[in-house]
């Protein structure tokens, strides 16, 4: 299934312990319908020391289901649904349904 949320998009969390937080999408996992969002759904991993890194507690982002995130409206900063709009020069853009503001080119 094609997703509208892509890497580097600004999203807001709709459900869970981090509800209301915003962040940038770091990675989209299409097969599992999940996304990694910077600074959201942080977990602690106990890691063993290796040649590249020291061991200890490492805090990192865990994936969150794509249905629990939504694009941020550039005008209001709130969650919005999105649509595709044809621009004058033939290009397409992803736009916020609430304000009509352009989110990114498609």
PDB file of N, CA and C in Angstrom:
ATOM      1  N   UNK A   1       0.824  -1.187   0.000  1.00  0.00           N
ATOM      2  CA  UNK A   1       0.000   0.000   0.000  1.00  0.00           C
ATOM      3  C   UNK A   1       0.873   1.256   0.000  1.00  0.00           C
ATOM      4  N   UNK A   2       0.544   2.227  -0.826  1.00  0.00           N
ATOM      5  CA  UNK A   2       1.325   3.452  -0.927  1.00  0.00           C
ATOM      6  C   UNK A   2       1.015   4.360   0.256  1.00  0.00           C
ATOM      7  N   UNK A   3       2.062   4.899   0.861  1.00  0.00           N
ATOM      8  CA  UNK A   3       1.910   5.778   2.011  1.00  0.00           C
ATOM      9  C   UNK A   3       2.188   7.220   1.626  1.00  0.00           C
ATOM     10  N   UNK A   4       1.479   8.156   2.239  1.00  0.00           N
ATOM     11  CA  UNK A   4       1.724   9.572   1.992  1.00  0.00           C
ATOM     12  C   UNK A   4       2.836  10.114   2.880  1.00  0.00           C
ATOM     13  N   UNK A   5       3.121   9.426   3.983  1.00  0.00           N
ATOM     14  CA  UNK A   5       4.164   9.878   4.900  1.00  0.00           C
ATOM     15  C   UNK A   5       5.503   9.330   4.424  1.00  0.00           C
ATOM     16  N   UNK A   6       6.474  10.240   4.276  1.00  0.00           N
ATOM     17  CA  UNK A   6       7.801   9.861   3.796  1.00  0.00           C
ATOM     18  C   UNK A   6       8.866  10.415   4.724  1.00  0.00           C
ATOM     19  N   UNK A   7      10.109   9.997   4.489  1.00  0.00           N
ATOM     20  CA  UNK A   7      11.248  10.452   5.275  1.00  0.00           C
ATOM     21  C   UNK A   7      11.347  11.976   5.220  1.00  0.00           C
ATOM     22  N   UNK A   8      11.717  12.588   6.338  1.00  0.00           N
ATOM     23  CA  UNK A   8      11.888  14.035   6.521  1.00  0.00           C
ATOM     24  C   UNK A   8      10.583  14.813   6.615  1.00  0.00           C
ATOM     25  N   UNK A   9       9.423  14.149   6.569  1.00  0.00           N
ATOM     26  CA  UNK A   9       8.147  14.841   6.765  1.00  0.00           C
ATOM     27  C   UNK A   9       7.985  15.184   8.243  1.00  0.00           C
ATOM     28  N   UNK A  10       7.350  16.309   8.530  1.00  0.00           N
ATOM     29  CA  UNK A  10       7.066  16.707   9.904  1.00  0.00           C
ATOM     30  C   UNK A  10       5.703  16.136  10.286  1.00  0.00           C
ATOM     31  N   UNK A  11       5.682  15.340  11.367  1.00  0.00           N
ATOM     32  CA  UNK A  11       4.448  14.668  11.772  1.00  0.00           C
ATOM     33  C   UNK A  11       4.143  14.932  13.248  1.00  0.00           C
ATOM     34  N   UNK A  12       2.881  14.699  13.622  1.00  0.00           N
ATOM     35  CA  UNK A  12       2.439  14.808  15.006  1.00  0.00           C
ATOM     36  C   UNK A  12       1.902  13.446  15.430  1.00  0.00           C
ATOM     37  N   UNK A  13       2.128  13.097  16.697  1.00  0.00           N
ATOM     38  CA  UNK A  13       1.694  11.804  17.214  1.00  0.00           C
ATOM     39  C   UNK A  13       0.247  11.925  17.686  1.00  0.00           C
ATOM     40  N   UNK A  14      -0.616  10.995  17.240  1.00  0.00           N
ATOM     41  CA  UNK A  14      -2.042  11.042  17.541  1.00  0.00           C
ATOM     42  C   UNK A  14      -2.444  10.166  18.728  1.00  0.00           C
ATOM     43  N   UNK A  15      -1.659   9.144  19.051  1.00  0.00           N
ATOM     44  CA  UNK A  15      -2.033   8.207  20.108  1.00  0.00           C
ATOM     45  C   UNK A  15      -0.800   7.669  20.808  1.00  0.00           C
ATOM     46  N   UNK A  16      -0.990   7.212  22.038  1.00  0.00           N
ATOM     47  CA  UNK A  16       0.103   6.603  22.790  1.00  0.00           C
ATOM     48  C   UNK A  16       0.692   7.549  23.816  1.00  0.00           C
ATOM     49  N   UNK A  17       1.797   7.130  24.441  1.00  0.00           N
ATOM     50  CA  UNK A  17       2.392   7.901  25.531  1.00  0.00           C
ATOM     51  C   UNK A  17       2.958   9.239  25.081  1.00  0.00           C
ATOM     52  N   UNK A  18       3.284   9.366  23.797  1.00  0.00           N
ATOM     53  CA  UNK A  18       3.851  10.606  23.267  1.00  0.00           C
ATOM     54  C   UNK A  18       2.833  11.435  22.491  1.00  0.00           C
ATOM     55  N   UNK A  19       1.551  11.241  22.757  1.00  0.00           N
ATOM     56  CA  UNK A  19       0.493  11.946  22.040  1.00  0.00           C
ATOM     57  C   UNK A  19       0.702  13.459  22.116  1.00  0.00           C
ATOM     58  N   UNK A  20       0.605  14.110  20.949  1.00  0.00           N
ATOM     59  CA  UNK A  20       0.769  15.559  20.881  1.00  0.00           C
ATOM     60  C   UNK A  20       2.172  16.016  20.530  1.00  0.00           C
ATOM     61  N   UNK A  21       3.162  15.148  20.644  1.00  0.00           N
ATOM     62  CA  UNK A  21       4.536  15.511  20.297  1.00  0.00           C
ATOM     63  C   UNK A  21       4.696  15.560  18.788  1.00  0.00           C
ATOM     64  N   UNK A  22       5.618  16.402  18.331  1.00  0.00           N
ATOM     65  CA  UNK A  22       5.919  16.470  16.905  1.00  0.00           C
ATOM     66  C   UNK A  22       7.368  16.074  16.672  1.00  0.00           C
ATOM     67  N   UNK A  23       7.652  15.634  15.473  1.00  0.00           N
ATOM     68  CA  UNK A  23       9.008  15.256  15.118  1.00  0.00           C
ATOM     69  C   UNK A  23       9.116  14.993  13.641  1.00  0.00           C
ATOM     70  N   UNK A  24      10.336  14.721  13.207  1.00  0.00           N
ATOM     71  CA  UNK A  24      10.608  14.455  11.805  1.00  0.00           C
ATOM     72  C   UNK A  24      10.739  12.949  11.592  1.00  0.00           C
ATOM     73  N   UNK A  25      10.218  12.466  10.495  1.00  0.00           N
ATOM     74  CA  UNK A  25      10.291  11.035  10.187  1.00  0.00           C
ATOM     75  C   UNK A  25      11.721  10.691   9.787  1.00  0.00           C
ATOM     76  N   UNK A  26      12.317   9.740  10.508  1.00  0.00           N
ATOM     77  CA  UNK A  26      13.678   9.303  10.220  1.00  0.00           C
ATOM     78  C   UNK A  26      13.701   8.153   9.224  1.00  0.00           C
ATOM     79  N   UNK A  27      12.690   7.265   9.323  1.00  0.00           N
ATOM     80  CA  UNK A  27      12.665   6.067   8.485  1.00  0.00           C
ATOM     81  C   UNK A  27      11.235   5.571   8.366  1.00  0.00           C
ATOM     82  N   UNK A  28      10.869   5.075   7.192  1.00  0.00           N
ATOM     83  CA  UNK A  28       9.563   4.469   6.972  1.00  0.00           C
ATOM     84  C   UNK A  28       9.780   2.984   6.690  1.00  0.00           C
ATOM     85  N   UNK A  29       9.097   2.120   7.456  1.00  0.00           N
ATOM     86  CA  UNK A  29       9.197   0.678   7.263  1.00  0.00           C
ATOM     87  C   UNK A  29       7.890   0.244   6.592  1.00  0.00           C
ATOM     88  N   UNK A  30       7.880   0.185   5.258  1.00  0.00           N
ATOM     89  CA  UNK A  30       6.658  -0.055   4.496  1.00  0.00           C
ATOM     90  C   UNK A  30       6.034  -1.420   4.751  1.00  0.00           C
ATOM     91  N   UNK A  31       6.852  -2.467   4.860  1.00  0.00           N
ATOM     92  CA  UNK A  31       6.319  -3.820   5.027  1.00  0.00           C
ATOM     93  C   UNK A  31       5.530  -3.966   6.318  1.00  0.00           C
ATOM     94  N   UNK A  32       5.904  -3.216   7.352  1.00  0.00           N
ATOM     95  CA  UNK A  32       5.244  -3.316   8.654  1.00  0.00           C
ATOM     96  C   UNK A  32       4.318  -2.127   8.931  1.00  0.00           C
ATOM     97  N   UNK A  33       4.210  -1.183   7.992  1.00  0.00           N
ATOM     98  CA  UNK A  33       3.409   0.036   8.157  1.00  0.00           C
ATOM     99  C   UNK A  33       3.794   0.799   9.419  1.00  0.00           C
ATOM    100  N   UNK A  34       5.094   0.999   9.606  1.00  0.00           N
ATOM    101  CA  UNK A  34       5.594   1.680  10.793  1.00  0.00           C
ATOM    102  C   UNK A  34       6.568   2.789  10.388  1.00  0.00           C
ATOM    103  N   UNK A  35       6.758   3.753  11.287  1.00  0.00           N
ATOM    104  CA  UNK A  35       7.704   4.849  11.057  1.00  0.00           C
ATOM    105  C   UNK A  35       8.547   5.078  12.298  1.00  0.00           C
ATOM    106  N   UNK A  36       9.763   5.610  12.093  1.00  0.00           N
ATOM    107  CA  UNK A  36      10.618   6.064  13.185  1.00  0.00           C
ATOM    108  C   UNK A  36      10.550   7.581  13.186  1.00  0.00           C
ATOM    109  N   UNK A  37      10.196   8.180  14.329  1.00  0.00           N
ATOM    110  CA  UNK A  37      10.072   9.627  14.441  1.00  0.00           C
ATOM    111  C   UNK A  37      11.101  10.109  15.457  1.00  0.00           C
ATOM    112  N   UNK A  38      11.843  11.168  15.118  1.00  0.00           N
ATOM    113  CA  UNK A  38      12.913  11.656  15.989  1.00  0.00           C
ATOM    114  C   UNK A  38      12.363  12.135  17.329  1.00  0.00           C
ATOM    115  N   UNK A  39      12.959  11.646  18.414  1.00  0.00           N
ATOM    116  CA  UNK A  39      12.603  12.066  19.763  1.00  0.00           C
ATOM    117  C   UNK A  39      11.294  11.520  20.300  1.00  0.00           C
ATOM    118  N   UNK A  40      10.691  10.564  19.607  1.00  0.00           N
ATOM    119  CA  UNK A  40       9.386  10.030  20.010  1.00  0.00           C
ATOM    120  C   UNK A  40       9.501   8.519  20.231  1.00  0.00           C
ATOM    121  N   UNK A  41       8.767   8.007  21.226  1.00  0.00           N
ATOM    122  CA  UNK A  41       8.750   6.580  21.554  1.00  0.00           C
ATOM    123  C   UNK A  41      10.161   6.079  21.883  1.00  0.00           C
ATOM    124  N   UNK A  42      10.827   6.801  22.782  1.00  0.00           N
ATOM    125  CA  UNK A  42      12.205   6.469  23.154  1.00  0.00           C
ATOM    126  C   UNK A  42      12.234   5.216  24.033  1.00  0.00           C
ATOM    127  N   UNK A  43      13.198   4.337  23.751  1.00  0.00           N
ATOM    128  CA  UNK A  43      13.394   3.127  24.537  1.00  0.00           C
ATOM    129  C   UNK A  43      14.845   3.075  24.993  1.00  0.00           C
ATOM    130  N   UNK A  44      15.124   2.262  26.009  1.00  0.00           N
ATOM    131  CA  UNK A  44      16.486   2.099  26.516  1.00  0.00           C
ATOM    132  C   UNK A  44      16.967   0.704  26.170  1.00  0.00           C
ATOM    133  N   UNK A  45      18.111   0.621  25.531  1.00  0.00           N
ATOM    134  CA  UNK A  45      18.715  -0.659  25.169  1.00  0.00           C
ATOM    135  C   UNK A  45      19.990  -0.854  25.986  1.00  0.00           C
ATOM    136  N   UNK A  46      20.175  -2.052  26.510  1.00  0.00           N
ATOM    137  CA  UNK A  46      21.412  -2.412  27.200  1.00  0.00           C
ATOM    138  C   UNK A  46      22.333  -3.009  26.145  1.00  0.00           C
ATOM    139  N   UNK A  47      23.440  -2.345  25.853  1.00  0.00           N
ATOM    140  CA  UNK A  47      24.317  -2.826  24.789  1.00  0.00           C
ATOM    141  C   UNK A  47      25.668  -3.264  25.344  1.00  0.00           C
ATOM    142  N   UNK A  48      26.226  -4.260  24.694  1.00  0.00           N
ATOM    143  CA  UNK A  48      27.537  -4.768  25.052  1.00  0.00           C
ATOM    144  C   UNK A  48      28.597  -3.912  24.371  1.00  0.00           C
ATOM    145  N   UNK A  49      29.721  -3.723  25.012  1.00  0.00           N
ATOM    146  CA  UNK A  49      30.805  -2.920  24.430  1.00  0.00           C
ATOM    147  C   UNK A  49      31.367  -3.620  23.205  1.00  0.00           C
ATOM    148  N   UNK A  50      31.709  -2.817  22.186  1.00  0.00           N
ATOM    149  CA  UNK A  50      32.317  -3.359  20.971  1.00  0.00           C
ATOM    150  C   UNK A  50      33.477  -2.449  20.578  1.00  0.00           C
ATOM    151  N   UNK A  51      34.131  -2.771  19.479  1.00  0.00           N
ATOM    152  CA  UNK A  51      35.256  -1.955  19.007  1.00  0.00           C
ATOM    153  C   UNK A  51      34.798  -0.556  18.599  1.00  0.00           C
ATOM    154  N   UNK A  52      33.558  -0.430  18.111  1.00  0.00           N
ATOM    155  CA  UNK A  52      33.051   0.867  17.647  1.00  0.00           C
ATOM    156  C   UNK A  52      32.456   1.723  18.769  1.00  0.00           C
ATOM    157  N   UNK A  53      31.843   1.090  19.780  1.00  0.00           N
ATOM    158  CA  UNK A  53      31.158   1.876  20.804  1.00  0.00           C
ATOM    159  C   UNK A  53      31.334   1.279  22.189  1.00  0.00           C
ATOM    160  N   UNK A  54      31.218   2.146  23.168  1.00  0.00           N
ATOM    161  CA  UNK A  54      31.279   1.690  24.554  1.00  0.00           C
ATOM    162  C   UNK A  54      29.927   1.075  24.914  1.00  0.00           C
ATOM    163  N   UNK A  55      29.926   0.145  25.820  1.00  0.00           N
ATOM    164  CA  UNK A  55      28.691  -0.500  26.238  1.00  0.00           C
ATOM    165  C   UNK A  55      27.913   0.397  27.193  1.00  0.00           C
ATOM    166  N   UNK A  56      26.754  -0.066  27.599  1.00  0.00           N
ATOM    167  CA  UNK A  56      25.954   0.687  28.556  1.00  0.00           C
ATOM    168  C   UNK A  56      24.532   0.869  28.078  1.00  0.00           C
ATOM    169  N   UNK A  57      23.872   1.863  28.667  1.00  0.00           N
ATOM    170  CA  UNK A  57      22.487   2.141  28.313  1.00  0.00           C
ATOM    171  C   UNK A  57      22.447   3.104  27.137  1.00  0.00           C
ATOM    172  N   UNK A  58      21.739   2.717  26.097  1.00  0.00           N
ATOM    173  CA  UNK A  58      21.602   3.559  24.900  1.00  0.00           C
ATOM    174  C   UNK A  58      20.131   3.871  24.703  1.00  0.00           C
ATOM    175  N   UNK A  59      19.803   5.173  24.608  1.00  0.00           N
ATOM    176  CA  UNK A  59      18.415   5.585  24.346  1.00  0.00           C
ATOM    177  C   UNK A  59      18.253   5.809  22.856  1.00  0.00           C
ATOM    178  N   UNK A  60      17.210   5.182  22.281  1.00  0.00           N
ATOM    179  CA  UNK A  60      16.957   5.365  20.855  1.00  0.00           C
ATOM    180  C   UNK A  60      15.463   5.281  20.581  1.00  0.00           C
ATOM    181  N   UNK A  61      15.078   5.677  19.356  1.00  0.00           N
ATOM    182  CA  UNK A  61      13.675   5.674  18.967  1.00  0.00           C
ATOM    183  C   UNK A  61      13.221   4.274  18.578  1.00  0.00           C
ATOM    184  N   UNK A  62      12.012   3.936  18.980  1.00  0.00           N
ATOM    185  CA  UNK A  62      11.381   2.700  18.534  1.00  0.00           C
ATOM    186  C   UNK A  62      10.335   3.084  17.491  1.00  0.00           C
ATOM    187  N   UNK A  63       9.966   2.126  16.659  1.00  0.00           N
ATOM    188  CA  UNK A  63       8.990   2.429  15.605  1.00  0.00           C
ATOM    189  C   UNK A  63       7.600   2.606  16.188  1.00  0.00           C
ATOM    190  N   UNK A  64       6.768   3.348  15.459  1.00  0.00           N
ATOM    191  CA  UNK A  64       5.390   3.610  15.856  1.00  0.00           C
ATOM    192  C   UNK A  64       4.521   3.333  14.627  1.00  0.00           C
ATOM    193  N   UNK A  65       3.316   2.818  14.846  1.00  0.00           N
ATOM    194  CA  UNK A  65       2.465   2.475  13.714  1.00  0.00           C
ATOM    195  C   UNK A  65       2.072   3.734  12.951  1.00  0.00           C
ATOM    196  N   UNK A  66       2.036   3.624  11.625  1.00  0.00           N
ATOM    197  CA  UNK A  66       1.800   4.777  10.748  1.00  0.00           C
ATOM    198  C   UNK A  66       0.409   5.387  10.948  1.00  0.00           C
ATOM    199  N   UNK A  67      -0.540   4.588  11.473  1.00  0.00           N
ATOM    200  CA  UNK A  67      -1.878   5.116  11.710  1.00  0.00           C
ATOM    201  C   UNK A  67      -1.911   6.061  12.906  1.00  0.00           C
ATOM    202  N   UNK A  68      -0.874   6.046  13.715  1.00  0.00           N
ATOM    203  CA  UNK A  68      -0.819   6.898  14.906  1.00  0.00           C
ATOM    204  C   UNK A  68      -0.075   8.213  14.666  1.00  0.00           C
ATOM    205  N   UNK A  69       0.255   8.521  13.425  1.00  0.00           N
ATOM    206  CA  UNK A  69       0.896   9.791  13.098  1.00  0.00           C
ATOM    207  C   UNK A  69       0.125  10.487  11.983  1.00  0.00           C
ATOM    208  N   UNK A  70       0.231  11.816  11.945  1.00  0.00           N
ATOM    209  CA  UNK A  70      -0.411  12.601  10.895  1.00  0.00           C
ATOM    210  C   UNK A  70       0.507  13.756  10.538  1.00  0.00           C
ATOM    211  N   UNK A  71       0.388  14.252   9.310  1.00  0.00           N
ATOM    212  CA  UNK A  71       1.168  15.408   8.892  1.00  0.00           C
ATOM    213  C   UNK A  71       0.808  16.622   9.739  1.00  0.00           C
ATOM    214  N   UNK A  72       1.777  17.509   9.920  1.00  0.00           N
ATOM    215  CA  UNK A  72       1.552  18.761  10.641  1.00  0.00           C
ATOM    216  C   UNK A  72       1.193  19.827   9.618  1.00  0.00           C
ATOM    217  N   UNK A  73       0.106  20.562   9.880  1.00  0.00           N
ATOM    218  CA  UNK A  73      -0.305  21.667   9.012  1.00  0.00           C
ATOM    219  C   UNK A  73       0.713  22.795   9.152  1.00  0.00           C
ATOM    220  N   UNK A  74       1.346  23.238   8.055  1.00  0.00           N
ATOM    221  CA  UNK A  74       2.369  24.287   8.147  1.00  0.00           C
ATOM    222  C   UNK A  74       1.831  25.618   8.693  1.00  0.00           C
ATOM    223  N   UNK A  75       0.551  25.870   8.513  1.00  0.00           N
ATOM    224  CA  UNK A  75      -0.046  27.142   8.942  1.00  0.00           C
ATOM    225  C   UNK A  75      -0.386  27.136  10.436  1.00  0.00           C
ATOM    226  N   UNK A  76      -1.033  26.053  10.903  1.00  0.00           N
ATOM    227  CA  UNK A  76      -1.536  26.017  12.281  1.00  0.00           C
ATOM    228  C   UNK A  76      -0.686  25.193  13.234  1.00  0.00           C
ATOM    229  N   UNK A  77       0.101  24.247  12.709  1.00  0.00           N
ATOM    230  CA  UNK A  77       0.893  23.377  13.568  1.00  0.00           C
ATOM    231  C   UNK A  77       0.101  22.217  14.149  1.00  0.00           C
ATOM    232  N   UNK A  78      -1.130  22.037  13.690  1.00  0.00           N
ATOM    233  CA  UNK A  78      -1.973  20.941  14.167  1.00  0.00           C
ATOM    234  C   UNK A  78      -1.996  19.808  13.142  1.00  0.00           C
ATOM    235  N   UNK A  79      -2.564  18.663  13.540  1.00  0.00           N
ATOM    236  CA  UNK A  79      -2.672  17.508  12.651  1.00  0.00           C
ATOM    237  C   UNK A  79      -3.651  17.807  11.526  1.00  0.00           C
ATOM    238  N   UNK A  80      -3.341  17.292  10.338  1.00  0.00           N
ATOM    239  CA  UNK A  80      -4.221  17.490   9.199  1.00  0.00           C
ATOM    240  C   UNK A  80      -4.172  16.287   8.281  1.00  0.00           C
ATOM    241  N   UNK A  81      -5.261  16.083   7.551  1.00  0.00           N
ATOM    242  CA  UNK A  81      -5.237  15.100   6.476  1.00  0.00           C
ATOM    243  C   UNK A  81      -4.628  15.787   5.267  1.00  0.00           C
ATOM    244  N   UNK A  82      -4.256  14.984   4.273  1.00  0.00           N
ATOM    245  CA  UNK A  82      -3.576  15.561   3.116  1.00  0.00           C
ATOM    246  C   UNK A  82      -4.235  15.131   1.817  1.00  0.00           C
ATOM    247  N   UNK A  83      -3.985  15.912   0.787  1.00  0.00           N
ATOM    248  CA  UNK A  83      -4.461  15.600  -0.551  1.00  0.00           C
ATOM    249  C   UNK A  83      -3.404  16.008  -1.558  1.00  0.00           C
ATOM    250  N   UNK A  84      -3.571  15.606  -2.786  1.00  0.00           N
ATOM    251  CA  UNK A  84      -2.633  15.946  -3.847  1.00  0.00           C
ATOM    252  C   UNK A  84      -3.273  16.997  -4.744  1.00  0.00           C
ATOM    253  N   UNK A  85      -2.519  18.039  -5.052  1.00  0.00           N
ATOM    254  CA  UNK A  85      -3.030  19.142  -5.861  1.00  0.00           C
ATOM    255  C   UNK A  85      -2.107  19.358  -7.057  1.00  0.00           C
ATOM    256  N   UNK A  86      -2.704  19.586  -8.210  1.00  0.00           N
ATOM    257  CA  UNK A  86      -1.945  19.844  -9.439  1.00  0.00           C
ATOM    258  C   UNK A  86      -1.553  21.320  -9.446  1.00  0.00           C
ATOM    259  N   UNK A  87      -0.274  21.592  -9.622  1.00  0.00           N
ATOM    260  CA  UNK A  87       0.206  22.970  -9.688  1.00  0.00           C
ATOM    261  C   UNK A  87       0.155  23.475 -11.130  1.00  0.00           C
ATOM    262  N   UNK A  88       0.335  24.762 -11.306  1.00  0.00           N
ATOM    263  CA  UNK A  88       0.243  25.371 -12.630  1.00  0.00           C
ATOM    264  C   UNK A  88       1.269  24.869 -13.619  1.00  0.00           C
ATOM    265  N   UNK A  89       2.467  24.537 -13.138  1.00  0.00           N
ATOM    266  CA  UNK A  89       3.539  24.097 -14.045  1.00  0.00           C
ATOM    267  C   UNK A  89       3.516  22.591 -14.303  1.00  0.00           C
ATOM    268  N   UNK A  90       2.450  21.909 -13.900  1.00  0.00           N
ATOM    269  CA  UNK A  90       2.319  20.478 -14.174  1.00  0.00           C
ATOM    270  C   UNK A  90       2.805  19.589 -13.051  1.00  0.00           C
ATOM    271  N   UNK A  91       3.485  20.157 -12.049  1.00  0.00           N
ATOM    272  CA  UNK A  91       3.947  19.361 -10.916  1.00  0.00           C
ATOM    273  C   UNK A  91       2.794  19.118  -9.950  1.00  0.00           C
ATOM    274  N   UNK A  92       2.975  18.119  -9.081  1.00  0.00           N
ATOM    275  CA  UNK A  92       1.983  17.825  -8.057  1.00  0.00           C
ATOM    276  C   UNK A  92       2.571  18.158  -6.696  1.00  0.00           C
ATOM    277  N   UNK A  93       1.696  18.537  -5.768  1.00  0.00           N
ATOM    278  CA  UNK A  93       2.131  18.869  -4.416  1.00  0.00           C
ATOM    279  C   UNK A  93       1.195  18.235  -3.400  1.00  0.00           C
ATOM    280  N   UNK A  94       1.755  17.826  -2.269  1.00  0.00           N
ATOM    281  CA  UNK A  94       0.965  17.324  -1.157  1.00  0.00           C
ATOM    282  C   UNK A  94       0.511  18.542  -0.352  1.00  0.00           C
ATOM    283  N   UNK A  95      -0.793  18.702  -0.170  1.00  0.00           N
ATOM    284  CA  UNK A  95      -1.318  19.884   0.513  1.00  0.00           C
ATOM    285  C   UNK A  95      -2.156  19.483   1.723  1.00  0.00           C
ATOM    286  N   UNK A  96      -2.198  20.368   2.720  1.00  0.00           N
ATOM    287  CA  UNK A  96      -3.001  20.158   3.915  1.00  0.00           C
ATOM    288  C   UNK A  96      -4.461  20.428   3.576  1.00  0.00           C
ATOM    289  N   UNK A  97      -5.355  19.531   4.007  1.00  0.00           N
ATOM    290  CA  UNK A  97      -6.782  19.688   3.721  1.00  0.00           C
ATOM    291  C   UNK A  97      -7.378  20.874   4.478  1.00  0.00           C
ATOM    292  N   UNK A  98      -6.915  21.123   5.703  1.00  0.00           N
ATOM    293  CA  UNK A  98      -7.492  22.183   6.529  1.00  0.00           C
ATOM    294  C   UNK A  98      -7.185  23.576   5.994  1.00  0.00           C
ATOM    295  N   UNK A  99      -5.894  23.848   5.691  1.00  0.00           N
ATOM    296  CA  UNK A  99      -5.510  25.209   5.312  1.00  0.00           C
ATOM    297  C   UNK A  99      -5.220  25.372   3.825  1.00  0.00           C
ATOM    298  N   UNK A 100      -4.973  24.263   3.125  1.00  0.00           N
ATOM    299  CA  UNK A 100      -4.622  24.339   1.709  1.00  0.00           C
ATOM    300  C   UNK A 100      -3.147  24.635   1.480  1.00  0.00           C
ATOM    301  N   UNK A 101      -2.359  24.718   2.560  1.00  0.00           N
ATOM    302  CA  UNK A 101      -0.915  25.000   2.450  1.00  0.00           C
ATOM    303  C   UNK A 101      -0.183  23.799   1.860  1.00  0.00           C
ATOM    304  N   UNK A 102       0.851  24.077   1.093  1.00  0.00           N
ATOM    305  CA  UNK A 102       1.669  23.008   0.506  1.00  0.00           C
ATOM    306  C   UNK A 102       2.597  22.428   1.560  1.00  0.00           C
ATOM    307  N   UNK A 103       2.643  21.095   1.633  1.00  0.00           N
ATOM    308  CA  UNK A 103       3.531  20.402   2.571  1.00  0.00           C
ATOM    309  C   UNK A 103       4.841  20.054   1.874  1.00  0.00           C
ATOM    310  N   UNK A 104       4.753  19.423   0.717  1.00  0.00           N
ATOM    311  CA  UNK A 104       5.948  19.121  -0.078  1.00  0.00           C
ATOM    312  C   UNK A 104       5.526  18.760  -1.497  1.00  0.00           C
ATOM    313  N   UNK A 105       6.500  18.794  -2.416  1.00  0.00           N
ATOM    314  CA  UNK A 105       6.239  18.383  -3.799  1.00  0.00           C
ATOM    315  C   UNK A 105       6.221  16.877  -3.862  1.00  0.00           C
ATOM    316  N   UNK A 106       5.389  16.331  -4.752  1.00  0.00           N
ATOM    317  CA  UNK A 106       5.268  14.874  -4.890  1.00  0.00           C
ATOM    318  C   UNK A 106       6.096  14.401  -6.043  1.00  0.00           C
TER     319      UNK A 106
END
